[in-house]
Amino acid sequence: MPEDYIKDGKIKCLVCSKYFVRPISHAWQVHGLQAREYKEKYGLDLKKGIATEEYKEVMRQHVQTNGTLKNLKKGAVYRFKKGQDTNYTRSKQTKERLKVHFARVRSIEGRTITIQKITVACAECGTLKVIYPRYYKKDNNFCGVVCRNISNNKKRHEKN
């Protein structure tokens, strides 16, 4: 770090050389650099925050006075722990949705899992096309806009 990195309780922005309490916020708002980009560009520790000690102390006080610390302690019993056996059960609706989804899914000779496609004939001209099952509509599959329009025009004339 440069000698003048911290001056008068503020930290130097390494882009424009001005001093700020939280230079990362400044870098984002003014220079359009996200925290990770800023830190990588200037060789700073990616996992360490950049703020003045005074600011950090103020934030510590806020956490204690506004109840955040108490809420974090209360929520600890609900947090997932590695290796923990969860008692979560999926809803009936979710189970049905997954059953339908995985009925369409298959693995072929070690390839990645893909959703099966089906071949259907155009309702107007009979041209075959491949679609996903979720797009299948009985008597409403056309190879393109032209065939769909022809079919719609025929239906209109039949009604008259």
C-alpha atoms as a PDB file:
ATOM      1  CA  MET A   1       0.000   0.000   0.000  1.00  0.00           C
ATOM      2  CA  PRO A   2       1.159   3.538  -0.668  1.00  0.00           C
ATOM      3  CA  GLU A   3       2.318   5.581   2.317  1.00  0.00           C
ATOM      4  CA  ASP A   4      -0.560   8.011   2.018  1.00  0.00           C
ATOM      5  CA  TYR A   5      -3.230   5.277   1.709  1.00  0.00           C
ATOM      6  CA  ILE A   6      -4.881   6.417   4.965  1.00  0.00           C
ATOM      7  CA  LYS A   7      -4.977  10.135   5.743  1.00  0.00           C
ATOM      8  CA  ASP A   8      -7.056  12.059   8.298  1.00  0.00           C
ATOM      9  CA  GLY A   9      -9.118   8.950   9.076  1.00  0.00           C
ATOM     10  CA  LYS A  10     -10.058   8.357   5.434  1.00  0.00           C
ATOM     11  CA  ILE A  11      -8.910   5.845   2.826  1.00  0.00           C
ATOM     12  CA  LYS A  12      -7.566   6.816  -0.571  1.00  0.00           C
ATOM     13  CA  CYS A  13      -9.450   5.820  -3.707  1.00  0.00           C
ATOM     14  CA  LEU A  14      -6.786   4.226  -5.865  1.00  0.00           C
ATOM     15  CA  VAL A  15      -8.543   5.361  -9.050  1.00  0.00           C
ATOM     16  CA  CYS A  16      -8.831   9.129  -8.481  1.00  0.00           C
ATOM     17  CA  SER A  17      -6.631   9.612  -5.373  1.00  0.00           C
ATOM     18  CA  LYS A  18      -9.395  11.271  -3.311  1.00  0.00           C
ATOM     19  CA  TYR A  19     -10.091  10.186   0.267  1.00  0.00           C
ATOM     20  CA  PHE A  20     -13.284   8.492   1.490  1.00  0.00           C
ATOM     21  CA  VAL A  21     -14.655   6.641   4.507  1.00  0.00           C
ATOM     22  CA  ARG A  22     -15.773   3.806   2.206  1.00  0.00           C
ATOM     23  CA  PRO A  23     -13.788   3.952  -1.050  1.00  0.00           C
ATOM     24  CA  ILE A  24     -15.502   0.835  -2.440  1.00  0.00           C
ATOM     25  CA  SER A  25     -18.883   2.594  -2.449  1.00  0.00           C
ATOM     26  CA  HIS A  26     -17.262   5.586  -4.129  1.00  0.00           C
ATOM     27  CA  ALA A  27     -15.572   3.345  -6.716  1.00  0.00           C
ATOM     28  CA  TRP A  28     -18.932   1.835  -7.642  1.00  0.00           C
ATOM     29  CA  GLN A  29     -20.916   5.076  -7.725  1.00  0.00           C
ATOM     30  CA  VAL A  30     -18.348   7.252  -9.488  1.00  0.00           C
ATOM     31  CA  HIS A  31     -16.028   4.930 -11.401  1.00  0.00           C
ATOM     32  CA  GLY A  32     -18.472   2.065 -12.064  1.00  0.00           C
ATOM     33  CA  LEU A  33     -16.127  -0.514 -10.524  1.00  0.00           C
ATOM     34  CA  GLN A  34     -17.644  -3.291  -8.479  1.00  0.00           C
ATOM     35  CA  ALA A  35     -15.873  -4.234  -5.255  1.00  0.00           C
ATOM     36  CA  ARG A  36     -14.303  -7.370  -6.722  1.00  0.00           C
ATOM     37  CA  GLU A  37     -13.051  -5.524  -9.832  1.00  0.00           C
ATOM     38  CA  TYR A  38     -11.575  -2.721  -7.723  1.00  0.00           C
ATOM     39  CA  LYS A  39      -9.804  -5.124  -5.380  1.00  0.00           C
ATOM     40  CA  GLU A  40      -8.453  -7.301  -8.205  1.00  0.00           C
ATOM     41  CA  LYS A  41      -7.265  -4.292 -10.180  1.00  0.00           C
ATOM     42  CA  TYR A  42      -5.251  -2.925  -7.257  1.00  0.00           C
ATOM     43  CA  GLY A  43      -4.182  -6.227  -5.680  1.00  0.00           C
ATOM     44  CA  LEU A  44      -6.278  -5.923  -2.504  1.00  0.00           C
ATOM     45  CA  ASP A  45      -7.598  -8.808  -0.416  1.00  0.00           C
ATOM     46  CA  LEU A  46     -10.906  -9.924  -1.945  1.00  0.00           C
ATOM     47  CA  LYS A  47     -12.361 -11.142   1.337  1.00  0.00           C
ATOM     48  CA  LYS A  48     -11.516  -8.087   3.409  1.00  0.00           C
ATOM     49  CA  GLY A  49     -13.742  -5.033   3.587  1.00  0.00           C
ATOM     50  CA  ILE A  50     -12.326  -1.576   2.995  1.00  0.00           C
ATOM     51  CA  ALA A  51     -13.614   1.021   5.445  1.00  0.00           C
ATOM     52  CA  THR A  52     -12.141   3.237   8.144  1.00  0.00           C
ATOM     53  CA  GLU A  53     -11.920   1.944  11.708  1.00  0.00           C
ATOM     54  CA  GLU A  54     -14.262   4.711  12.872  1.00  0.00           C
ATOM     55  CA  TYR A  55     -16.904   3.617  10.373  1.00  0.00           C
ATOM     56  CA  LYS A  56     -16.531  -0.041  11.397  1.00  0.00           C
ATOM     57  CA  GLU A  57     -16.996   0.910  15.058  1.00  0.00           C
ATOM     58  CA  VAL A  58     -20.134   2.914  14.280  1.00  0.00           C
ATOM     59  CA  MET A  59     -21.575  -0.076  12.394  1.00  0.00           C
ATOM     60  CA  ARG A  60     -20.733  -2.406  15.318  1.00  0.00           C
ATOM     61  CA  GLN A  61     -22.688  -0.104  17.612  1.00  0.00           C
ATOM     62  CA  HIS A  62     -25.654  -0.095  15.220  1.00  0.00           C
ATOM     63  CA  VAL A  63     -25.726  -3.898  15.143  1.00  0.00           C
ATOM     64  CA  GLN A  64     -25.943  -4.007  18.924  1.00  0.00           C
ATOM     65  CA  THR A  65     -28.499  -1.216  19.336  1.00  0.00           C
ATOM     66  CA  ASN A  66     -30.920  -2.028  16.492  1.00  0.00           C
ATOM     67  CA  GLY A  67     -31.468  -5.688  17.438  1.00  0.00           C
ATOM     68  CA  THR A  68     -29.603  -7.276  14.524  1.00  0.00           C
ATOM     69  CA  LEU A  69     -27.260  -9.167  16.841  1.00  0.00           C
ATOM     70  CA  LYS A  70     -30.185 -10.523  18.853  1.00  0.00           C
ATOM     71  CA  ASN A  71     -31.950 -11.665  15.669  1.00  0.00           C
ATOM     72  CA  LEU A  72     -28.813 -13.397  14.421  1.00  0.00           C
ATOM     73  CA  LYS A  73     -28.540 -15.325  17.676  1.00  0.00           C
ATOM     74  CA  LYS A  74     -32.223 -16.305  17.558  1.00  0.00           C
ATOM     75  CA  GLY A  75     -31.916 -17.569  13.976  1.00  0.00           C
ATOM     76  CA  ALA A  76     -28.874 -19.752  14.682  1.00  0.00           C
ATOM     77  CA  VAL A  77     -31.022 -22.781  15.515  1.00  0.00           C
ATOM     78  CA  TYR A  78     -32.588 -22.678  12.019  1.00  0.00           C
ATOM     79  CA  ARG A  79     -29.359 -22.443  10.033  1.00  0.00           C
ATOM     80  CA  PHE A  80     -28.236 -25.419   7.986  1.00  0.00           C
ATOM     81  CA  LYS A  81     -25.172 -27.227   9.219  1.00  0.00           C
ATOM     82  CA  LYS A  82     -23.089 -29.454   6.960  1.00  0.00           C
ATOM     83  CA  GLY A  83     -24.053 -33.100   7.360  1.00  0.00           C
ATOM     84  CA  GLN A  84     -27.300 -32.163   9.068  1.00  0.00           C
ATOM     85  CA  ASP A  85     -30.313 -34.323   8.291  1.00  0.00           C
ATOM     86  CA  THR A  86     -33.101 -31.921   7.395  1.00  0.00           C
ATOM     87  CA  ASN A  87     -36.724 -32.618   8.109  1.00  0.00           C
ATOM     88  CA  TYR A  88     -37.843 -30.620   5.068  1.00  0.00           C
ATOM     89  CA  THR A  89     -40.570 -32.244   3.027  1.00  0.00           C
ATOM     90  CA  ARG A  90     -41.774 -30.989  -0.315  1.00  0.00           C
ATOM     91  CA  SER A  91     -45.405 -30.017  -0.762  1.00  0.00           C
ATOM     92  CA  LYS A  92     -47.768 -32.262  -2.694  1.00  0.00           C
ATOM     93  CA  GLN A  93     -47.908 -29.687  -5.492  1.00  0.00           C
ATOM     94  CA  THR A  94     -44.100 -29.571  -5.786  1.00  0.00           C
ATOM     95  CA  LYS A  95     -43.865 -33.372  -5.810  1.00  0.00           C
ATOM     96  CA  GLU A  96     -46.372 -33.552  -8.670  1.00  0.00           C
ATOM     97  CA  ARG A  97     -44.550 -30.857 -10.634  1.00  0.00           C
ATOM     98  CA  LEU A  98     -41.216 -32.648 -10.191  1.00  0.00           C
ATOM     99  CA  LYS A  99     -42.755 -35.981 -11.182  1.00  0.00           C
ATOM    100  CA  VAL A 100     -43.977 -34.485 -14.468  1.00  0.00           C
ATOM    101  CA  HIS A 101     -40.665 -32.718 -15.033  1.00  0.00           C
ATOM    102  CA  PHE A 102     -38.511 -35.788 -14.441  1.00  0.00           C
ATOM    103  CA  ALA A 103     -40.781 -37.922 -16.600  1.00  0.00           C
ATOM    104  CA  ARG A 104     -39.545 -35.730 -19.470  1.00  0.00           C
ATOM    105  CA  VAL A 105     -35.926 -35.854 -18.405  1.00  0.00           C
ATOM    106  CA  ARG A 106     -33.535 -38.563 -19.416  1.00  0.00           C
ATOM    107  CA  SER A 107     -29.856 -39.283 -19.516  1.00  0.00           C
ATOM    108  CA  ILE A 108     -28.406 -40.730 -22.703  1.00  0.00           C
ATOM    109  CA  GLU A 109     -25.094 -42.631 -22.619  1.00  0.00           C
ATOM    110  CA  GLY A 110     -23.528 -40.423 -19.960  1.00  0.00           C
ATOM    111  CA  ARG A 111     -24.429 -37.157 -21.703  1.00  0.00           C
ATOM    112  CA  THR A 112     -25.844 -34.275 -19.766  1.00  0.00           C
ATOM    113  CA  ILE A 113     -29.467 -34.516 -18.769  1.00  0.00           C
ATOM    114  CA  THR A 114     -31.800 -33.164 -21.423  1.00  0.00           C
ATOM    115  CA  ILE A 115     -35.524 -32.709 -21.726  1.00  0.00           C
ATOM    116  CA  GLN A 116     -36.939 -35.018 -24.357  1.00  0.00           C
ATOM    117  CA  LYS A 117     -38.269 -33.474 -27.531  1.00  0.00           C
ATOM    118  CA  ILE A 118     -41.108 -34.826 -29.589  1.00  0.00           C
ATOM    119  CA  THR A 119     -41.750 -34.760 -33.328  1.00  0.00           C
ATOM    120  CA  VAL A 120     -45.109 -33.435 -34.493  1.00  0.00           C
ATOM    121  CA  ALA A 121     -46.596 -32.769 -37.902  1.00  0.00           C
ATOM    122  CA  CYS A 122     -47.727 -29.287 -38.910  1.00  0.00           C
ATOM    123  CA  ALA A 123     -51.522 -29.167 -38.661  1.00  0.00           C
ATOM    124  CA  GLU A 124     -51.754 -27.454 -42.074  1.00  0.00           C
ATOM    125  CA  CYS A 125     -49.068 -28.844 -44.415  1.00  0.00           C
ATOM    126  CA  GLY A 126     -47.893 -31.946 -42.544  1.00  0.00           C
ATOM    127  CA  THR A 127     -44.216 -30.878 -42.292  1.00  0.00           C
ATOM    128  CA  LEU A 128     -42.513 -32.519 -39.329  1.00  0.00           C
ATOM    129  CA  LYS A 129     -40.970 -30.368 -36.610  1.00  0.00           C
ATOM    130  CA  VAL A 130     -39.303 -31.090 -33.270  1.00  0.00           C
ATOM    131  CA  ILE A 131     -40.666 -29.340 -30.158  1.00  0.00           C
ATOM    132  CA  TYR A 132     -40.556 -29.611 -26.375  1.00  0.00           C
ATOM    133  CA  PRO A 133     -43.612 -31.390 -24.944  1.00  0.00           C
ATOM    134  CA  ARG A 134     -44.633 -28.344 -22.925  1.00  0.00           C
ATOM    135  CA  TYR A 135     -45.300 -26.493 -26.208  1.00  0.00           C
ATOM    136  CA  TYR A 136     -47.528 -29.205 -27.662  1.00  0.00           C
ATOM    137  CA  LYS A 137     -51.126 -28.155 -28.314  1.00  0.00           C
ATOM    138  CA  LYS A 138     -53.455 -30.567 -30.008  1.00  0.00           C
ATOM    139  CA  ASP A 139     -54.443 -29.369 -33.523  1.00  0.00           C
ATOM    140  CA  ASN A 140     -52.507 -26.138 -33.006  1.00  0.00           C
ATOM    141  CA  ASN A 141     -48.971 -26.975 -34.091  1.00  0.00           C
ATOM    142  CA  PHE A 142     -47.818 -25.216 -37.211  1.00  0.00           C
ATOM    143  CA  CYS A 143     -44.438 -25.117 -38.909  1.00  0.00           C
ATOM    144  CA  GLY A 144     -44.654 -21.338 -39.172  1.00  0.00           C
ATOM    145  CA  VAL A 145     -46.773 -18.217 -39.263  1.00  0.00           C
ATOM    146  CA  VAL A 146     -47.912 -18.778 -42.856  1.00  0.00           C
ATOM    147  CA  CYS A 147     -49.445 -22.185 -42.084  1.00  0.00           C
ATOM    148  CA  ARG A 148     -51.067 -20.836 -38.928  1.00  0.00           C
ATOM    149  CA  ASN A 149     -52.626 -17.932 -40.864  1.00  0.00           C
ATOM    150  CA  ILE A 150     -53.908 -20.240 -43.612  1.00  0.00           C
ATOM    151  CA  SER A 151     -55.532 -22.460 -40.993  1.00  0.00           C
ATOM    152  CA  ASN A 152     -57.100 -19.506 -39.166  1.00  0.00           C
ATOM    153  CA  ASN A 153     -58.495 -18.128 -42.446  1.00  0.00           C
ATOM    154  CA  LYS A 154     -60.042 -21.522 -43.282  1.00  0.00           C
ATOM    155  CA  LYS A 155     -61.700 -21.655 -39.858  1.00  0.00           C
ATOM    156  CA  ARG A 156     -63.115 -18.139 -40.332  1.00  0.00           C
ATOM    157  CA  HIS A 157     -64.563 -19.024 -43.734  1.00  0.00           C
ATOM    158  CA  GLU A 158     -66.125 -22.222 -42.320  1.00  0.00           C
ATOM    159  CA  LYS A 159     -67.951 -20.199 -39.650  1.00  0.00           C
ATOM    160  CA  ASN A 160     -69.480 -17.855 -42.303  1.00  0.00           C
END
